[in-house]
């Protein structure tokens, strides 16, 4: 494992620039090798705890199942703490697979292991433990942060395009670059018994000495694709300041910041005119593809190639992509606190974290029942009969083509048919049983 160390003489994030991309979400393709980053930047040891607030906003089309993000937070009144986010890979929808089930089970296992072992198991080990035991279809990315309260050491493991940032005195101290095989294909974890998978050994690992007052923001790519890094820092600072000046305590201030970030990310995700971080990277990707096409034409031999090259320059024009990216949004905002000073707030945060998991655990239990029923049906000696056409609900191809996803899913559900997949898949599925 490669280790990069920074001495305490280094100041501010300029010296850490090689670890980040200019756009938070997007970095150069990351080598397939574990990378541990040790940034020793004048921390403060002893008697520290995470005071963590959580806000989740599901994808508007996935509210019923709770979205595909999952999370947990261990808030320890005696010091230390852990929090993590797993983002289910939505591309599995096209195959009728709910990656939200995978991410929720993954986080449940990591949470149980962390509760048993605490700081004795580091974040990469937590990710590995959950990965080896999540035997479900689907995949997820993961970021896990852990604080050793005794020595003030923050340890982080990140795999994929979720991420985190550490803010001190209003300035960015450290953040994580996205890990992608190629554009829009993040490093991800899936059942290693079913398909090739990235592993915890591929994660980027960080260590940082933190001190009281430091702020850590972690989130799924639903946040990072729709809100720029500097905006994240500014909103966290302003939201906490406004909440504290209005009489809120430290936990309530963190929750106000997490809620403000989630709200802005959601609004930006639905804004078709917003030049989001994701849209900017789409444009950049198109530009690279366009240049590659032009270079290919120009490489043709002789004057013929030169002539076509001139035509290519005129014909192939870059179109600027606009709009946010609709997605699940999970935001965790934590401050590093002295547990003796915020006993009441730690208890409040712990109760809220537990309450936030109740619907997630319920969704996981219900999802597992559905999954197990499907698996049982697959293994049954007789195949399930194809739903019969209904005389009271027939449509023409043109009528089906005009239906939106919500209507298609409602109709398919009434037939007892799968409701996952892209628009064309849903249309074909409904046409097979309800078309005149």
Protein backbone atom coordinates (compact mmCIF):
# COMPACT_ATOMS: atom_id res chain seq x y z
CA UNK A 1 0.00 0.00 0.00
CA UNK A 2 1.38 3.37 -1.02
CA UNK A 3 1.63 5.99 1.71
CA UNK A 4 1.85 9.74 1.14
CA UNK A 5 2.70 11.87 4.17
CA UNK A 6 2.44 15.61 4.68
CA UNK A 7 4.42 17.33 7.40
CA UNK A 8 2.84 19.77 9.85
CA UNK A 9 4.70 22.61 8.12
CA UNK A 10 2.36 22.39 5.15
CA UNK A 11 -0.42 24.94 5.20
CA UNK A 12 -3.93 24.90 3.80
CA UNK A 13 -5.21 22.82 0.93
CA UNK A 14 -2.84 24.14 -1.74
CA UNK A 15 -0.33 21.47 -0.74
CA UNK A 16 -3.06 18.85 -0.98
CA UNK A 17 -4.13 19.85 -4.47
CA UNK A 18 -2.75 16.71 -6.09
CA UNK A 19 -5.24 14.67 -4.13
CA UNK A 20 -8.30 16.43 -5.55
CA UNK A 21 -9.84 17.34 -8.86
CA UNK A 22 -10.89 20.91 -9.60
CA UNK A 23 -14.49 19.68 -9.77
CA UNK A 24 -15.14 17.72 -6.58
CA UNK A 25 -16.76 14.78 -8.24
CA UNK A 26 -14.36 14.27 -11.09
CA UNK A 27 -10.75 13.19 -10.97
CA UNK A 28 -8.33 11.49 -13.27
CA UNK A 29 -8.77 7.73 -13.48
CA UNK A 30 -7.53 6.36 -10.17
CA UNK A 31 -4.90 3.59 -10.23
CA UNK A 32 -6.14 0.21 -9.02
CA UNK A 33 -4.06 0.20 -5.88
CA UNK A 34 -4.87 0.98 -2.28
CA UNK A 35 -3.73 4.49 -1.45
CA UNK A 36 -3.31 5.66 2.11
CA UNK A 37 -2.95 9.39 2.63
CA UNK A 38 -1.57 10.54 5.97
CA UNK A 39 -2.07 14.26 6.42
CA UNK A 40 -0.62 15.43 9.73
CA UNK A 41 -1.84 19.00 9.92
CA UNK A 42 -1.54 20.24 13.48
CA UNK A 43 -4.36 18.37 15.21
CA UNK A 44 -5.40 18.23 18.84
CA UNK A 45 -5.48 14.88 20.64
CA UNK A 46 -7.72 13.45 23.31
CA UNK A 47 -11.36 13.61 24.33
CA UNK A 48 -13.10 14.29 21.00
CA UNK A 49 -16.38 13.06 19.52
CA UNK A 50 -18.38 13.27 16.30
CA UNK A 51 -21.62 15.24 16.62
CA UNK A 52 -23.36 14.05 13.47
CA UNK A 53 -26.58 15.12 11.74
CA UNK A 54 -28.14 13.29 8.80
CA UNK A 55 -30.49 14.38 6.01
CA UNK A 56 -31.69 12.12 3.19
CA UNK A 57 -33.85 13.07 0.21
CA UNK A 58 -34.72 10.14 -2.09
CA UNK A 59 -34.88 10.32 -5.87
CA UNK A 60 -38.40 11.64 -6.69
CA UNK A 61 -39.22 8.43 -8.58
CA UNK A 62 -37.91 6.16 -5.79
CA UNK A 63 -39.57 7.66 -2.72
CA UNK A 64 -41.84 4.64 -2.18
CA UNK A 65 -38.89 2.31 -1.63
CA UNK A 66 -36.80 4.90 0.23
CA UNK A 67 -34.30 5.50 -2.56
CA UNK A 68 -31.05 3.61 -3.06
CA UNK A 69 -28.79 5.42 -0.58
CA UNK A 70 -28.09 3.98 2.87
CA UNK A 71 -26.16 5.29 5.87
CA UNK A 72 -25.43 4.89 9.54
CA UNK A 73 -23.90 6.97 12.32
CA UNK A 74 -22.48 5.79 15.65
CA UNK A 75 -22.53 8.71 18.05
CA UNK A 76 -20.67 7.90 21.25
CA UNK A 77 -21.16 10.14 24.33
CA UNK A 78 -17.78 8.95 25.66
CA UNK A 79 -15.94 10.08 22.50
CA UNK A 80 -15.09 8.98 19.00
CA UNK A 81 -17.73 7.85 16.52
CA UNK A 82 -18.28 6.56 13.00
CA UNK A 83 -20.51 7.48 10.08
CA UNK A 84 -20.83 6.15 6.54
CA UNK A 85 -22.80 6.40 3.29
CA UNK A 86 -23.41 3.70 0.68
CA UNK A 87 -24.93 4.70 -2.66
CA UNK A 88 -26.70 1.93 -4.59
CA UNK A 89 -25.70 1.90 -8.27
CA UNK A 90 -28.85 2.89 -10.16
CA UNK A 91 -27.86 1.27 -13.45
CA UNK A 92 -29.08 -2.07 -12.11
CA UNK A 93 -32.65 -0.76 -12.43
CA UNK A 94 -32.57 -1.67 -16.10
CA UNK A 95 -32.18 -5.32 -15.13
CA UNK A 96 -34.96 -5.31 -12.56
CA UNK A 97 -32.50 -5.20 -9.62
CA UNK A 98 -32.95 -2.85 -6.66
CA UNK A 99 -29.47 -1.69 -5.66
CA UNK A 100 -31.05 0.04 -2.68
CA UNK A 101 -31.49 -3.39 -1.15
CA UNK A 102 -27.77 -4.06 -1.60
CA UNK A 103 -26.67 -0.73 -0.12
CA UNK A 104 -29.02 -1.04 2.88
CA UNK A 105 -27.81 -4.53 3.72
CA UNK A 106 -24.21 -3.40 3.21
CA UNK A 107 -24.62 -0.54 5.69
CA UNK A 108 -26.46 -2.76 8.18
CA UNK A 109 -23.52 -5.17 8.27
CA UNK A 110 -20.96 -2.36 8.56
CA UNK A 111 -22.97 -0.77 11.38
CA UNK A 112 -23.19 -4.04 13.32
CA UNK A 113 -19.46 -4.63 12.97
CA UNK A 114 -18.66 -1.09 14.06
CA UNK A 115 -20.94 -1.40 17.09
CA UNK A 116 -19.09 -4.56 18.13
CA UNK A 117 -15.52 -3.44 17.52
CA UNK A 118 -15.48 0.37 17.54
CA UNK A 119 -12.11 1.90 16.63
CA UNK A 120 -10.50 -1.55 16.76
CA UNK A 121 -11.69 -1.99 13.15
CA UNK A 122 -10.71 0.77 10.71
CA UNK A 123 -13.01 2.07 7.92
CA UNK A 124 -11.43 -0.03 5.16
CA UNK A 125 -11.93 -3.14 7.27
CA UNK A 126 -15.58 -2.20 7.85
CA UNK A 127 -16.09 -1.86 4.10
CA UNK A 128 -14.36 -5.19 3.50
CA UNK A 129 -16.40 -6.93 6.21
CA UNK A 130 -19.70 -5.72 4.73
CA UNK A 131 -18.59 -6.42 1.16
CA UNK A 132 -17.70 -10.04 1.84
CA UNK A 133 -21.07 -10.69 3.50
CA UNK A 134 -23.57 -8.84 1.31
CA UNK A 135 -24.83 -11.70 -0.85
CA UNK A 136 -27.45 -9.85 -2.86
CA UNK A 137 -27.71 -8.60 -6.46
CA UNK A 138 -26.77 -4.98 -7.01
CA UNK A 139 -23.79 -2.81 -6.16
CA UNK A 140 -22.86 0.31 -4.19
CA UNK A 141 -20.15 2.87 -3.59
CA UNK A 142 -19.08 3.59 -0.02
CA UNK A 143 -17.39 6.21 2.13
CA UNK A 144 -16.73 5.55 5.82
CA UNK A 145 -15.29 7.97 8.41
CA UNK A 146 -14.15 7.08 11.92
CA UNK A 147 -12.83 9.17 14.79
CA UNK A 148 -10.59 7.80 17.51
CA UNK A 149 -11.66 10.06 20.35
CA UNK A 150 -8.60 9.36 22.49
CA UNK A 151 -5.97 10.63 20.08
CA UNK A 152 -8.09 12.83 17.79
CA UNK A 153 -7.30 10.76 14.69
CA UNK A 154 -9.76 10.80 11.78
CA UNK A 155 -9.57 7.74 9.51
CA UNK A 156 -11.45 7.57 6.21
CA UNK A 157 -11.92 5.01 3.45
CA UNK A 158 -13.62 6.02 0.20
CA UNK A 159 -14.44 3.90 -2.83
CA UNK A 160 -16.45 5.37 -5.70
CA UNK A 161 -18.00 8.78 -6.24
CA UNK A 162 -19.46 9.50 -2.83
CA UNK A 163 -17.07 11.60 -0.79
CA UNK A 164 -16.19 13.88 2.09
CA UNK A 165 -14.56 17.20 2.95
CA UNK A 166 -12.96 18.50 6.14
CA UNK A 167 -13.34 22.22 6.87
CA UNK A 168 -11.31 24.13 9.46
CA UNK A 169 -11.83 27.82 10.24
CA UNK A 170 -13.87 28.24 7.07
CA UNK A 171 -11.20 26.76 4.79
CA UNK A 172 -11.06 23.40 3.02
CA UNK A 173 -8.48 21.22 4.75
CA UNK A 174 -8.91 17.90 2.94
CA UNK A 175 -11.34 16.22 0.57
CA UNK A 176 -11.62 13.03 -1.46
CA UNK A 177 -11.39 12.76 -5.23
CA UNK A 178 -13.96 10.62 -7.02
CA UNK A 179 -12.80 7.17 -8.12
CA UNK A 180 -14.06 6.20 -11.56
CA UNK A 181 -13.10 3.59 -14.13
CA UNK A 182 -14.42 6.00 -16.75
CA UNK A 183 -16.99 8.77 -16.92
CA UNK A 184 -20.13 7.94 -14.93
CA UNK A 185 -18.80 4.50 -13.96
CA UNK A 186 -17.55 4.74 -10.37
CA UNK A 187 -15.58 2.12 -8.53
CA UNK A 188 -18.21 -0.07 -6.88
CA UNK A 189 -18.73 -3.09 -4.68
CA UNK A 190 -20.95 -6.03 -5.63
CA UNK A 191 -21.38 -9.65 -4.56
CA UNK A 192 -17.89 -11.08 -5.24
CA UNK A 193 -19.39 -14.56 -5.64
CA UNK A 194 -21.61 -13.39 -8.50
CA UNK A 195 -19.46 -11.00 -10.55
CA UNK A 196 -16.04 -9.31 -10.67
CA UNK A 197 -15.94 -6.47 -8.16
CA UNK A 198 -13.74 -3.70 -6.89
CA UNK A 199 -12.72 -4.33 -3.30
CA UNK A 200 -11.84 -2.47 -0.11
CA UNK A 201 -8.19 -2.84 -1.12
CA UNK A 202 -8.93 -0.40 -3.97
CA UNK A 203 -10.28 2.27 -1.62
CA UNK A 204 -8.48 5.55 -1.00
CA UNK A 205 -7.67 5.78 2.72
CA UNK A 206 -6.92 8.98 4.61
CA UNK A 207 -5.72 9.81 8.11
CA UNK A 208 -5.91 13.27 9.61
CA UNK A 209 -5.39 14.76 13.06
CA UNK A 210 -8.52 16.79 13.79
CA UNK A 211 -9.34 19.28 16.51
CA UNK A 212 -12.39 20.67 18.23
CA UNK A 213 -14.43 22.84 15.86
CA UNK A 214 -13.49 21.04 12.64
CA UNK A 215 -16.47 20.33 10.36
CA UNK A 216 -16.77 17.20 8.23
CA UNK A 217 -19.29 16.92 5.39
CA UNK A 218 -19.92 13.57 3.71
CA UNK A 219 -22.44 12.77 1.02
CA UNK A 220 -23.53 10.60 -1.84
CA UNK A 221 -23.02 11.82 -5.40
CA UNK A 222 -26.55 13.24 -5.34
CA UNK A 223 -25.01 16.07 -3.31
CA UNK A 224 -21.66 16.28 -5.07
CA UNK A 225 -23.07 16.19 -8.62
CA UNK A 226 -25.40 19.09 -7.90
CA UNK A 227 -23.57 21.44 -5.52
CA UNK A 228 -20.08 22.84 -6.05
CA UNK A 229 -17.50 22.36 -3.34
CA UNK A 230 -17.16 26.04 -2.41
CA UNK A 231 -20.94 26.32 -2.16
CA UNK A 232 -20.97 23.34 0.22
CA UNK A 233 -18.41 25.06 2.45
CA UNK A 234 -20.22 28.41 2.36
CA UNK A 235 -23.66 26.92 3.06
CA UNK A 236 -22.42 24.83 5.97
CA UNK A 237 -20.74 27.84 7.53
CA UNK A 238 -23.71 30.18 7.02
CA UNK A 239 -26.36 27.66 8.09
CA UNK A 240 -24.56 26.77 11.30
CA UNK A 241 -23.91 30.43 12.12
CA UNK A 242 -27.55 31.41 11.55
CA UNK A 243 -28.85 28.48 13.59
CA UNK A 244 -26.52 29.11 16.51
CA UNK A 245 -27.34 32.82 16.56
CA UNK A 246 -31.05 31.91 16.67
CA UNK A 247 -30.55 29.85 19.83
CA UNK A 248 -30.14 26.39 18.33
CA UNK A 249 -27.63 24.01 19.90
CA UNK A 250 -24.67 22.48 18.04
CA UNK A 251 -26.57 19.40 16.87
CA UNK A 252 -29.48 21.47 15.60
CA UNK A 253 -27.02 23.73 13.78
CA UNK A 254 -25.47 20.69 12.06
CA UNK A 255 -28.91 19.43 11.10
CA UNK A 256 -29.78 22.86 9.68
CA UNK A 257 -26.63 22.72 7.55
CA UNK A 258 -27.33 19.17 6.33
CA UNK A 259 -30.93 20.12 5.50
CA UNK A 260 -29.87 23.26 3.61
CA UNK A 261 -27.38 21.29 1.52
CA UNK A 262 -29.92 18.56 0.77
CA UNK A 263 -32.56 21.13 -0.20
CA UNK A 264 -30.22 22.98 -2.55
CA UNK A 265 -28.96 19.74 -4.14
CA UNK A 266 -32.56 18.63 -4.73
CA UNK A 267 -33.58 21.96 -6.27
CA UNK A 268 -30.49 22.01 -8.49
CA UNK A 269 -31.09 18.42 -9.58
CA UNK A 270 -34.47 19.40 -11.04
CA UNK A 271 -33.24 22.63 -12.67
CA UNK A 272 -32.80 21.97 -16.38
CA UNK A 273 -30.93 25.27 -16.88
CA UNK A 274 -28.43 24.86 -14.03
CA UNK A 275 -24.80 24.37 -15.04
CA UNK A 276 -24.15 21.71 -12.42
CA UNK A 277 -20.85 19.95 -11.64
CA UNK A 278 -22.30 16.91 -13.41
CA UNK A 279 -23.33 18.92 -16.48
CA UNK A 280 -19.89 20.50 -16.69
CA UNK A 281 -18.25 17.09 -16.67
CA UNK A 282 -20.70 15.83 -19.32
CA UNK A 283 -19.65 18.75 -21.51
CA UNK A 284 -15.99 17.99 -20.86
CA UNK A 285 -16.54 14.34 -21.77
CA UNK A 286 -18.31 15.34 -24.99
CA UNK A 287 -15.42 17.64 -25.84
CA UNK A 288 -12.92 14.80 -25.46
CA UNK A 289 -15.03 12.52 -27.65
CA UNK A 290 -15.43 15.25 -30.25
CA UNK A 291 -11.70 15.89 -30.42
CA UNK A 292 -11.07 12.17 -30.74
CA UNK A 293 -13.49 12.01 -33.70
CA UNK A 294 -11.81 14.96 -35.39
CA UNK A 295 -8.34 13.49 -34.84
CA UNK A 296 -9.48 10.18 -36.32
CA UNK A 297 -10.71 11.90 -39.48
CA UNK A 298 -7.59 14.05 -39.79
CA UNK A 299 -5.39 10.97 -39.52
CA UNK A 300 -6.63 9.69 -42.87
CA UNK A 301 -3.77 9.80 -45.43
CA UNK A 302 -3.24 12.44 -48.10
CA UNK A 303 -5.31 15.45 -49.15
CA UNK A 304 -8.49 13.42 -48.69
CA UNK A 305 -7.86 13.33 -44.95
CA UNK A 306 -7.11 17.06 -44.82
CA UNK A 307 -10.33 17.87 -46.68
CA UNK A 308 -12.43 15.68 -44.40
CA UNK A 309 -10.65 17.17 -41.40
CA UNK A 310 -11.81 20.62 -42.46
CA UNK A 311 -15.36 19.38 -42.91
CA UNK A 312 -15.23 17.68 -39.48
CA UNK A 313 -14.21 20.93 -37.82
CA UNK A 314 -17.21 22.65 -39.37
CA UNK A 315 -19.74 19.84 -38.88
CA UNK A 316 -18.85 18.53 -35.42
CA UNK A 317 -19.79 21.18 -32.92
CA UNK A 318 -19.77 20.89 -29.15
CA UNK A 319 -23.11 21.30 -27.39
CA UNK A 320 -23.03 22.59 -23.83
CA UNK A 321 -24.88 20.29 -21.43
CA UNK A 322 -27.10 21.93 -18.81
CA UNK A 323 -29.13 20.67 -15.89
CA UNK A 324 -28.67 18.92 -12.58
CA UNK A 325 -28.62 15.17 -12.06
CA UNK A 326 -31.71 13.68 -10.46
CA UNK A 327 -30.58 11.24 -7.78
CA UNK A 328 -30.87 10.17 -4.16
CA UNK A 329 -29.25 12.75 -1.89
CA UNK A 330 -27.68 11.91 1.46
CA UNK A 331 -25.81 14.50 3.52
CA UNK A 332 -24.04 14.03 6.84
CA UNK A 333 -22.61 17.04 8.67
CA UNK A 334 -20.47 16.37 11.73
CA UNK A 335 -18.53 18.66 14.01
CA UNK A 336 -15.63 17.54 16.16
CA UNK A 337 -16.60 18.32 19.74
CA UNK A 338 -15.43 17.85 23.31
CA UNK A 339 -17.96 15.30 24.66
CA UNK A 340 -17.95 16.94 28.10
CA UNK A 341 -19.29 20.18 26.56
CA UNK A 342 -22.08 18.68 24.44
CA UNK A 343 -23.47 15.74 26.42
CA UNK A 344 -27.09 16.71 25.76
CA UNK A 345 -26.45 17.31 22.06
CA UNK A 346 -24.69 13.95 21.68
CA UNK A 347 -27.67 12.18 23.23
CA UNK A 348 -30.01 14.14 20.92
CA UNK A 349 -27.92 13.27 17.86
CA UNK A 350 -27.73 9.59 18.80
CA UNK A 351 -31.52 9.39 19.18
CA UNK A 352 -32.04 11.13 15.83
CA UNK A 353 -29.54 8.84 14.07
CA UNK A 354 -31.33 5.79 15.43
CA UNK A 355 -34.71 7.18 14.38
CA UNK A 356 -33.43 7.89 10.84
CA UNK A 357 -32.58 4.20 10.47
CA UNK A 358 -35.99 2.85 11.46
CA UNK A 359 -37.59 3.30 8.01
CA UNK A 360 -34.38 2.07 6.32
CA UNK A 361 -34.39 -1.16 8.34
CA UNK A 362 -38.10 -1.59 7.59
CA UNK A 363 -37.48 -1.05 3.85
CA UNK A 364 -34.65 -3.57 3.99
CA UNK A 365 -36.84 -6.20 5.68
CA UNK A 366 -39.65 -5.68 3.16
CA UNK A 367 -37.21 -5.72 0.25
CA UNK A 368 -35.62 -8.95 1.43
CA UNK A 369 -39.05 -10.60 1.57
CA UNK A 370 -39.73 -9.59 -2.03
CA UNK A 371 -36.29 -10.76 -3.13
CA UNK A 372 -36.62 -14.09 -1.36
CA UNK A 373 -40.07 -14.61 -2.89
CA UNK A 374 -38.64 -13.98 -6.37
CA UNK A 375 -35.77 -16.39 -5.73
CA UNK A 376 -38.23 -19.03 -4.53
CA UNK A 377 -40.33 -18.54 -7.67
CA UNK A 378 -37.23 -19.01 -9.83
CA UNK A 379 -36.47 -22.31 -8.13
CA UNK A 380 -40.06 -23.57 -8.22
CA UNK A 381 -40.66 -26.62 -10.49
CA UNK A 382 -43.37 -24.79 -12.42
CA UNK A 383 -42.82 -21.32 -13.85
CA UNK A 384 -45.16 -18.59 -12.79
CA UNK A 385 -47.90 -18.16 -15.38
CA UNK A 386 -47.68 -15.09 -17.55
CA UNK A 387 -50.30 -12.49 -16.52
CA UNK A 388 -53.36 -12.75 -18.71
CA UNK A 389 -54.62 -9.90 -20.79
CA UNK A 390 -57.43 -7.97 -19.15
CA UNK A 391 -60.44 -6.93 -21.21
CA UNK A 392 -61.07 -3.93 -18.96
CA UNK A 393 -57.65 -2.35 -19.46
CA UNK A 394 -56.36 -2.51 -23.03
CA UNK A 395 -54.31 0.16 -24.73
CA UNK A 396 -52.96 0.94 -28.14
CA UNK A 397 -49.22 1.19 -28.77
CA UNK A 398 -49.66 4.95 -29.18
CA UNK A 399 -51.36 5.27 -25.78
CA UNK A 400 -48.62 3.30 -24.06
CA UNK A 401 -45.94 5.41 -25.77
CA UNK A 402 -47.48 8.56 -24.25
CA UNK A 403 -47.49 7.24 -20.65
CA UNK A 404 -44.91 8.53 -18.19
CA UNK A 405 -42.94 6.22 -15.90
CA UNK A 406 -45.26 6.68 -12.93
CA UNK A 407 -48.32 5.63 -14.95
CA UNK A 408 -46.52 2.68 -16.52
CA UNK A 409 -45.37 1.46 -13.13
CA UNK A 410 -48.88 1.80 -11.71
CA UNK A 411 -50.35 -0.25 -14.56
CA UNK A 412 -47.62 -2.90 -14.35
CA UNK A 413 -48.15 -3.19 -10.61
CA UNK A 414 -51.84 -3.84 -11.20
CA UNK A 415 -50.81 -6.79 -13.40
CA UNK A 416 -48.38 -8.06 -10.76
CA UNK A 417 -45.45 -7.41 -13.07
CA UNK A 418 -41.99 -5.92 -12.30
CA UNK A 419 -41.93 -2.12 -12.20
CA UNK A 420 -38.17 -1.51 -12.45
CA UNK A 421 -36.33 -0.53 -15.59
CA UNK A 422 -35.95 2.26 -18.10
CA UNK A 423 -38.90 3.78 -19.96
CA UNK A 424 -38.62 1.56 -23.06
CA UNK A 425 -38.51 -1.60 -20.94
CA UNK A 426 -41.63 -0.56 -19.03
CA UNK A 427 -43.46 0.21 -22.28
CA UNK A 428 -42.60 -3.18 -23.80
CA UNK A 429 -43.59 -4.98 -20.59
CA UNK A 430 -47.02 -3.33 -20.46
CA UNK A 431 -47.61 -3.82 -24.19
CA UNK A 432 -47.04 -7.57 -23.78
CA UNK A 433 -50.14 -7.91 -21.58
CA UNK A 434 -52.31 -4.83 -22.14
CA UNK A 435 -52.01 -3.91 -25.81
CA UNK A 436 -54.96 -4.32 -28.15
